[in-house]
Amino acid sequence: MAHGMNRRIMALAATVMMFASTLVMAGESWEVVKKSQEITVFSRPLPGFSVNQFRGECLIPAPLDVLERIMRDFENYRDWFAMSRKVKVVREINADETILYYVIASPWPVADRDVTVRLTMNFDHTRGRGEVLLKSIDLGYAPEKSSYVRIRDMEGYFVFNRLEPSLTRVSLTMKVDPLIDLSRSVIDGILTGYPFNTLKNLKSRASAERK
């Protein structure tokens, strides 16, 4: 049974990667910058933005409702969101909108970053699709601290598409100005790892949730 499931996942993964490659060849500016057997990361330049945008994609062998449950469990974001030192709920606006405060780990000797984000989500189980948007805001929810550098331009966008009852395609698109005075190649290396490791950790978390 498990062997058959793995074969289906591999076949679907190949289809997804072929589709993504077709998008790039068809004129999209996304370029593959990191690829493993399970996760692919793309990047592209954005006009008027000094840092590349990154997108990670993978297949997760878990139902959509399991992934929604993980996305609504804000208290445990730190366990799987890459580079997170602290994640705190500042305000719950409603069931689908929450203000979060993040402290983001930076490579030594660079100071850690912090950011306040508005998270909105929508899961439609009839259509088999979910979306989660995180966007930085600066409305005084969390006072700035001298030990951190405040990030003011950050967007993260998760998309979940059900392929089978227990198989979901997940993408994470990130745009962030980390305000780090390092070379472009070093910054790109850091930002490439963000969607890659976040999706990798999310996949592990989903596997643990199903047991």
C-alpha atoms as a PDB file:
ATOM      1  CA  MET A   1       0.000   0.000   0.000  1.00  0.00           C
ATOM      2  CA  ALA A   2       2.749   2.448   1.002  1.00  0.00           C
ATOM      3  CA  HIS A   3       4.759   1.462  -2.064  1.00  0.00           C
ATOM      4  CA  GLY A   4       1.799   2.216  -4.318  1.00  0.00           C
ATOM      5  CA  MET A   5       1.256   5.566  -2.604  1.00  0.00           C
ATOM      6  CA  ASN A   6       4.906   6.491  -3.097  1.00  0.00           C
ATOM      7  CA  ARG A   7       4.674   5.644  -6.797  1.00  0.00           C
ATOM      8  CA  ARG A   8       1.623   7.892  -7.188  1.00  0.00           C
ATOM      9  CA  ILE A   9       3.369  10.732  -5.374  1.00  0.00           C
ATOM     10  CA  MET A  10       6.446  10.409  -7.601  1.00  0.00           C
ATOM     11  CA  ALA A  11       4.305  10.382 -10.741  1.00  0.00           C
ATOM     12  CA  LEU A  12       2.368  13.446  -9.627  1.00  0.00           C
ATOM     13  CA  ALA A  13       5.578  15.195  -8.616  1.00  0.00           C
ATOM     14  CA  ALA A  14       6.966  14.664 -12.099  1.00  0.00           C
ATOM     15  CA  THR A  15       3.792  16.148 -13.578  1.00  0.00           C
ATOM     16  CA  VAL A  16       3.979  19.181 -11.291  1.00  0.00           C
ATOM     17  CA  MET A  17       7.645  19.781 -12.130  1.00  0.00           C
ATOM     18  CA  MET A  18       6.936  19.484 -15.863  1.00  0.00           C
ATOM     19  CA  PHE A  19       4.141  22.029 -15.500  1.00  0.00           C
ATOM     20  CA  ALA A  20       6.397  24.407 -13.572  1.00  0.00           C
ATOM     21  CA  SER A  21       9.141  24.068 -16.171  1.00  0.00           C
ATOM     22  CA  THR A  22       6.623  24.793 -18.921  1.00  0.00           C
ATOM     23  CA  LEU A  23       5.648  28.024 -17.162  1.00  0.00           C
ATOM     24  CA  VAL A  24       9.263  29.142 -17.062  1.00  0.00           C
ATOM     25  CA  MET A  25       9.827  28.265 -20.728  1.00  0.00           C
ATOM     26  CA  ALA A  26       6.581  29.976 -21.722  1.00  0.00           C
ATOM     27  CA  GLY A  27       7.895  33.360 -20.666  1.00  0.00           C
ATOM     28  CA  GLU A  28       7.591  33.424 -16.891  1.00  0.00           C
ATOM     29  CA  SER A  29      10.733  34.767 -15.257  1.00  0.00           C
ATOM     30  CA  TRP A  30      10.927  32.122 -12.531  1.00  0.00           C
ATOM     31  CA  GLU A  31      14.229  30.214 -12.500  1.00  0.00           C
ATOM     32  CA  VAL A  32      15.007  27.011 -10.587  1.00  0.00           C
ATOM     33  CA  VAL A  33      17.648  27.783  -7.944  1.00  0.00           C
ATOM     34  CA  LYS A  34      17.387  24.745  -5.664  1.00  0.00           C
ATOM     35  CA  LYS A  35      15.930  21.304  -6.177  1.00  0.00           C
ATOM     36  CA  SER A  36      15.702  18.116  -4.170  1.00  0.00           C
ATOM     37  CA  GLN A  37      13.700  14.961  -4.770  1.00  0.00           C
ATOM     38  CA  GLU A  38      10.788  16.506  -2.871  1.00  0.00           C
ATOM     39  CA  ILE A  39      11.055  20.321  -3.047  1.00  0.00           C
ATOM     40  CA  THR A  40      11.857  22.811  -5.809  1.00  0.00           C
ATOM     41  CA  VAL A  41      12.658  26.480  -5.213  1.00  0.00           C
ATOM     42  CA  PHE A  42      12.387  29.144  -7.913  1.00  0.00           C
ATOM     43  CA  SER A  43      13.465  32.785  -7.902  1.00  0.00           C
ATOM     44  CA  ARG A  44      12.861  35.832 -10.046  1.00  0.00           C
ATOM     45  CA  PRO A  45      13.725  39.533  -9.942  1.00  0.00           C
ATOM     46  CA  LEU A  46      11.011  42.043  -9.134  1.00  0.00           C
ATOM     47  CA  PRO A  47      11.003  45.481 -10.773  1.00  0.00           C
ATOM     48  CA  GLY A  48      11.832  48.156  -8.228  1.00  0.00           C
ATOM     49  CA  PHE A  49      12.797  45.627  -5.548  1.00  0.00           C
ATOM     50  CA  SER A  50      16.428  45.032  -4.580  1.00  0.00           C
ATOM     51  CA  VAL A  51      16.031  41.367  -3.593  1.00  0.00           C
ATOM     52  CA  ASN A  52      14.714  38.417  -5.605  1.00  0.00           C
ATOM     53  CA  GLN A  53      11.338  36.849  -4.936  1.00  0.00           C
ATOM     54  CA  PHE A  54      11.353  33.120  -4.114  1.00  0.00           C
ATOM     55  CA  ARG A  55       8.791  30.346  -4.484  1.00  0.00           C
ATOM     56  CA  GLY A  56       8.979  26.801  -3.139  1.00  0.00           C
ATOM     57  CA  GLU A  57       6.767  23.911  -4.270  1.00  0.00           C
ATOM     58  CA  CYS A  58       6.258  20.373  -3.026  1.00  0.00           C
ATOM     59  CA  LEU A  59       3.752  17.560  -2.588  1.00  0.00           C
ATOM     60  CA  ILE A  60       2.696  16.653   0.944  1.00  0.00           C
ATOM     61  CA  PRO A  61       1.035  13.262   1.574  1.00  0.00           C
ATOM     62  CA  ALA A  62      -1.601  14.664   3.927  1.00  0.00           C
ATOM     63  CA  PRO A  63      -5.258  15.712   3.654  1.00  0.00           C
ATOM     64  CA  LEU A  64      -6.109  19.383   3.288  1.00  0.00           C
ATOM     65  CA  ASP A  65      -7.785  19.463   6.707  1.00  0.00           C
ATOM     66  CA  VAL A  66      -4.553  18.349   8.413  1.00  0.00           C
ATOM     67  CA  LEU A  67      -2.647  21.184   6.749  1.00  0.00           C
ATOM     68  CA  GLU A  68      -5.347  23.679   7.694  1.00  0.00           C
ATOM     69  CA  ARG A  69      -5.110  22.545  11.309  1.00  0.00           C
ATOM     70  CA  ILE A  70      -1.350  23.134  11.268  1.00  0.00           C
ATOM     71  CA  MET A  71      -1.772  26.586   9.711  1.00  0.00           C
ATOM     72  CA  ARG A  72      -4.255  27.573  12.430  1.00  0.00           C
ATOM     73  CA  ASP A  73      -1.968  26.377  15.233  1.00  0.00           C
ATOM     74  CA  PHE A  74      -0.062  29.653  15.597  1.00  0.00           C
ATOM     75  CA  GLU A  75       1.512  28.721  18.914  1.00  0.00           C
ATOM     76  CA  ASN A  76       3.540  26.002  17.183  1.00  0.00           C
ATOM     77  CA  TYR A  77       4.655  27.982  14.126  1.00  0.00           C
ATOM     78  CA  ARG A  78       8.105  28.304  15.664  1.00  0.00           C
ATOM     79  CA  ASP A  79       8.541  24.518  15.417  1.00  0.00           C
ATOM     80  CA  TRP A  80       8.369  24.451  11.633  1.00  0.00           C
ATOM     81  CA  PHE A  81       8.572  27.972  10.183  1.00  0.00           C
ATOM     82  CA  ALA A  82      12.184  28.338   9.060  1.00  0.00           C
ATOM     83  CA  MET A  83      14.437  30.760  10.955  1.00  0.00           C
ATOM     84  CA  SER A  84      11.807  31.538  13.613  1.00  0.00           C
ATOM     85  CA  ARG A  85      13.080  32.378  17.081  1.00  0.00           C
ATOM     86  CA  LYS A  86       9.724  33.538  18.382  1.00  0.00           C
ATOM     87  CA  VAL A  87       6.149  33.653  17.101  1.00  0.00           C
ATOM     88  CA  LYS A  88       3.521  35.375  19.211  1.00  0.00           C
ATOM     89  CA  VAL A  89      -0.165  36.044  18.647  1.00  0.00           C
ATOM     90  CA  VAL A  90      -0.692  39.775  19.144  1.00  0.00           C
ATOM     91  CA  ARG A  91      -4.370  39.964  18.271  1.00  0.00           C
ATOM     92  CA  GLU A  92      -7.038  37.632  16.912  1.00  0.00           C
ATOM     93  CA  ILE A  93      -9.254  39.780  14.698  1.00  0.00           C
ATOM     94  CA  ASN A  94     -11.552  36.932  13.663  1.00  0.00           C
ATOM     95  CA  ALA A  95     -11.374  33.223  12.832  1.00  0.00           C
ATOM     96  CA  ASP A  96      -9.497  33.898   9.594  1.00  0.00           C
ATOM     97  CA  GLU A  97      -7.447  36.995  10.428  1.00  0.00           C
ATOM     98  CA  THR A  98      -4.714  37.254  13.051  1.00  0.00           C
ATOM     99  CA  ILE A  99      -1.880  39.654  13.898  1.00  0.00           C
ATOM    100  CA  LEU A 100       1.402  37.839  14.616  1.00  0.00           C
ATOM    101  CA  TYR A 101       4.779  39.039  15.865  1.00  0.00           C
ATOM    102  CA  TYR A 102       7.870  37.206  14.596  1.00  0.00           C
ATOM    103  CA  VAL A 103      11.501  37.252  15.620  1.00  0.00           C
ATOM    104  CA  ILE A 104      13.584  35.910  12.726  1.00  0.00           C
ATOM    105  CA  ALA A 105      17.024  34.389  13.236  1.00  0.00           C
ATOM    106  CA  SER A 106      19.845  35.968  11.229  1.00  0.00           C
ATOM    107  CA  PRO A 107      23.313  34.548  10.518  1.00  0.00           C
ATOM    108  CA  TRP A 108      25.980  35.658  12.990  1.00  0.00           C
ATOM    109  CA  PRO A 109      27.102  38.422  13.440  1.00  0.00           C
ATOM    110  CA  VAL A 110      24.007  40.031  11.900  1.00  0.00           C
ATOM    111  CA  ALA A 111      21.314  41.125  14.367  1.00  0.00           C
ATOM    112  CA  ASP A 112      18.060  39.176  14.397  1.00  0.00           C
ATOM    113  CA  ARG A 113      15.082  40.675  12.580  1.00  0.00           C
ATOM    114  CA  ASP A 114      11.538  41.148  13.805  1.00  0.00           C
ATOM    115  CA  VAL A 115       8.284  41.852  12.007  1.00  0.00           C
ATOM    116  CA  THR A 116       4.579  42.204  12.693  1.00  0.00           C
ATOM    117  CA  VAL A 117       2.359  40.541  10.102  1.00  0.00           C
ATOM    118  CA  ARG A 118      -1.321  40.349   9.330  1.00  0.00           C
ATOM    119  CA  LEU A 119      -2.212  36.728   8.526  1.00  0.00           C
ATOM    120  CA  THR A 120      -5.374  35.968   6.595  1.00  0.00           C
ATOM    121  CA  MET A 121      -6.483  32.533   5.490  1.00  0.00           C
ATOM    122  CA  ASN A 122      -9.213  30.889   3.495  1.00  0.00           C
ATOM    123  CA  PHE A 123      -9.779  27.145   3.118  1.00  0.00           C
ATOM    124  CA  ASP A 124     -12.481  25.850   0.787  1.00  0.00           C
ATOM    125  CA  HIS A 125     -12.758  22.100   1.258  1.00  0.00           C
ATOM    126  CA  THR A 126     -15.427  21.808  -1.420  1.00  0.00           C
ATOM    127  CA  ARG A 127     -12.978  23.113  -4.003  1.00  0.00           C
ATOM    128  CA  GLY A 128     -10.010  21.460  -2.309  1.00  0.00           C
ATOM    129  CA  ARG A 129      -8.024  24.675  -2.027  1.00  0.00           C
ATOM    130  CA  GLY A 130      -6.536  26.815   0.722  1.00  0.00           C
ATOM    131  CA  GLU A 131      -4.699  30.131   0.802  1.00  0.00           C
ATOM    132  CA  VAL A 132      -2.750  31.796   3.606  1.00  0.00           C
ATOM    133  CA  LEU A 133      -1.335  35.303   3.201  1.00  0.00           C
ATOM    134  CA  LEU A 134       1.150  36.939   5.567  1.00  0.00           C
ATOM    135  CA  LYS A 135       1.873  40.634   5.014  1.00  0.00           C
ATOM    136  CA  SER A 136       3.974  42.964   7.136  1.00  0.00           C
ATOM    137  CA  ILE A 137       2.176  45.846   8.820  1.00  0.00           C
ATOM    138  CA  ASP A 138       3.377  48.767  10.914  1.00  0.00           C
ATOM    139  CA  LEU A 139       0.464  49.808  13.077  1.00  0.00           C
ATOM    140  CA  GLY A 140       2.123  49.898  16.489  1.00  0.00           C
ATOM    141  CA  TYR A 141       1.113  46.389  17.560  1.00  0.00           C
ATOM    142  CA  ALA A 142       4.690  45.641  18.706  1.00  0.00           C
ATOM    143  CA  PRO A 143       7.107  48.415  19.762  1.00  0.00           C
ATOM    144  CA  GLU A 144      10.506  48.321  18.075  1.00  0.00           C
ATOM    145  CA  LYS A 145      13.403  46.936  20.121  1.00  0.00           C
ATOM    146  CA  SER A 146      17.024  48.037  19.882  1.00  0.00           C
ATOM    147  CA  SER A 147      18.235  44.428  19.765  1.00  0.00           C
ATOM    148  CA  TYR A 148      16.335  43.703  16.520  1.00  0.00           C
ATOM    149  CA  VAL A 149      16.104  45.250  13.064  1.00  0.00           C
ATOM    150  CA  ARG A 150      12.479  45.815  12.084  1.00  0.00           C
ATOM    151  CA  ILE A 151      11.451  44.347   8.703  1.00  0.00           C
ATOM    152  CA  ARG A 152       8.925  46.579   6.951  1.00  0.00           C
ATOM    153  CA  ASP A 153       8.455  44.873   3.595  1.00  0.00           C
ATOM    154  CA  MET A 154       7.528  41.187   3.743  1.00  0.00           C
ATOM    155  CA  GLU A 155       4.901  39.028   2.082  1.00  0.00           C
ATOM    156  CA  GLY A 156       4.397  35.283   2.258  1.00  0.00           C
ATOM    157  CA  TYR A 157       1.726  33.400   0.342  1.00  0.00           C
ATOM    158  CA  PHE A 158       0.857  29.720   0.854  1.00  0.00           C
ATOM    159  CA  VAL A 159      -1.361  27.920  -1.655  1.00  0.00           C
ATOM    160  CA  PHE A 160      -2.747  24.432  -0.980  1.00  0.00           C
ATOM    161  CA  ASN A 161      -4.363  22.347  -3.731  1.00  0.00           C
ATOM    162  CA  ARG A 162      -5.850  18.923  -3.021  1.00  0.00           C
ATOM    163  CA  LEU A 163      -4.771  16.370  -5.634  1.00  0.00           C
ATOM    164  CA  GLU A 164      -6.069  13.256  -3.860  1.00  0.00           C
ATOM    165  CA  PRO A 165      -7.829  12.759  -0.503  1.00  0.00           C
ATOM    166  CA  SER A 166      -4.446  12.365   1.211  1.00  0.00           C
ATOM    167  CA  LEU A 167      -2.178  14.277  -1.154  1.00  0.00           C
ATOM    168  CA  THR A 168      -1.829  18.063  -1.370  1.00  0.00           C
ATOM    169  CA  ARG A 169       0.316  20.283  -3.560  1.00  0.00           C
ATOM    170  CA  VAL A 170       1.748  23.185  -1.558  1.00  0.00           C
ATOM    171  CA  SER A 171       3.546  26.319  -2.684  1.00  0.00           C
ATOM    172  CA  LEU A 172       5.078  29.151  -0.676  1.00  0.00           C
ATOM    173  CA  THR A 173       5.954  32.425  -2.400  1.00  0.00           C
ATOM    174  CA  MET A 174       8.099  34.874  -0.432  1.00  0.00           C
ATOM    175  CA  LYS A 175       9.021  38.491  -0.948  1.00  0.00           C
ATOM    176  CA  VAL A 176      11.070  40.148   1.793  1.00  0.00           C
ATOM    177  CA  ASP A 177      13.655  42.866   2.182  1.00  0.00           C
ATOM    178  CA  PRO A 178      15.792  41.558   5.078  1.00  0.00           C
ATOM    179  CA  LEU A 179      17.742  44.839   5.388  1.00  0.00           C
ATOM    180  CA  ILE A 180      21.016  42.921   5.608  1.00  0.00           C
ATOM    181  CA  ASP A 181      24.229  44.567   4.434  1.00  0.00           C
ATOM    182  CA  LEU A 182      25.697  41.475   2.804  1.00  0.00           C
ATOM    183  CA  SER A 183      26.483  40.484  -0.773  1.00  0.00           C
ATOM    184  CA  ARG A 184      23.586  39.672  -3.091  1.00  0.00           C
ATOM    185  CA  SER A 185      24.728  36.051  -3.392  1.00  0.00           C
ATOM    186  CA  VAL A 186      24.756  35.579   0.391  1.00  0.00           C
ATOM    187  CA  ILE A 187      21.309  37.148   0.758  1.00  0.00           C
ATOM    188  CA  ASP A 188      19.941  34.988  -2.059  1.00  0.00           C
ATOM    189  CA  GLY A 189      21.375  31.908  -0.367  1.00  0.00           C
ATOM    190  CA  ILE A 190      19.619  32.779   2.888  1.00  0.00           C
ATOM    191  CA  LEU A 191      16.313  33.526   1.187  1.00  0.00           C
ATOM    192  CA  THR A 192      16.478  30.378  -0.959  1.00  0.00           C
ATOM    193  CA  GLY A 193      16.614  28.315   2.202  1.00  0.00           C
ATOM    194  CA  TYR A 194      13.558  29.985   3.709  1.00  0.00           C
ATOM    195  CA  PRO A 195      10.812  28.441   1.526  1.00  0.00           C
ATOM    196  CA  PHE A 196      12.808  25.224   1.125  1.00  0.00           C
ATOM    197  CA  ASN A 197      13.192  24.586   4.862  1.00  0.00           C
ATOM    198  CA  THR A 198       9.714  25.849   5.713  1.00  0.00           C
ATOM    199  CA  LEU A 199       8.101  23.386   3.291  1.00  0.00           C
ATOM    200  CA  LYS A 200      10.424  20.604   4.441  1.00  0.00           C
ATOM    201  CA  ASN A 201       9.443  21.229   8.064  1.00  0.00           C
ATOM    202  CA  LEU A 202       5.760  21.547   7.169  1.00  0.00           C
ATOM    203  CA  LYS A 203       5.898  18.173   5.473  1.00  0.00           C
ATOM    204  CA  SER A 204       7.446  16.600   8.578  1.00  0.00           C
ATOM    205  CA  ARG A 205       4.872  18.288  10.781  1.00  0.00           C
ATOM    206  CA  ALA A 206       2.020  16.979   8.646  1.00  0.00           C
ATOM    207  CA  SER A 207       3.444  13.472   8.820  1.00  0.00           C
ATOM    208  CA  ALA A 208       3.603  13.675  12.623  1.00  0.00           C
ATOM    209  CA  GLU A 209       0.035  15.041  12.817  1.00  0.00           C
ATOM    210  CA  ARG A 210      -1.282  12.029  10.918  1.00  0.00           C
ATOM    211  CA  LYS A 211       0.229   9.466  13.291  1.00  0.00           C
END
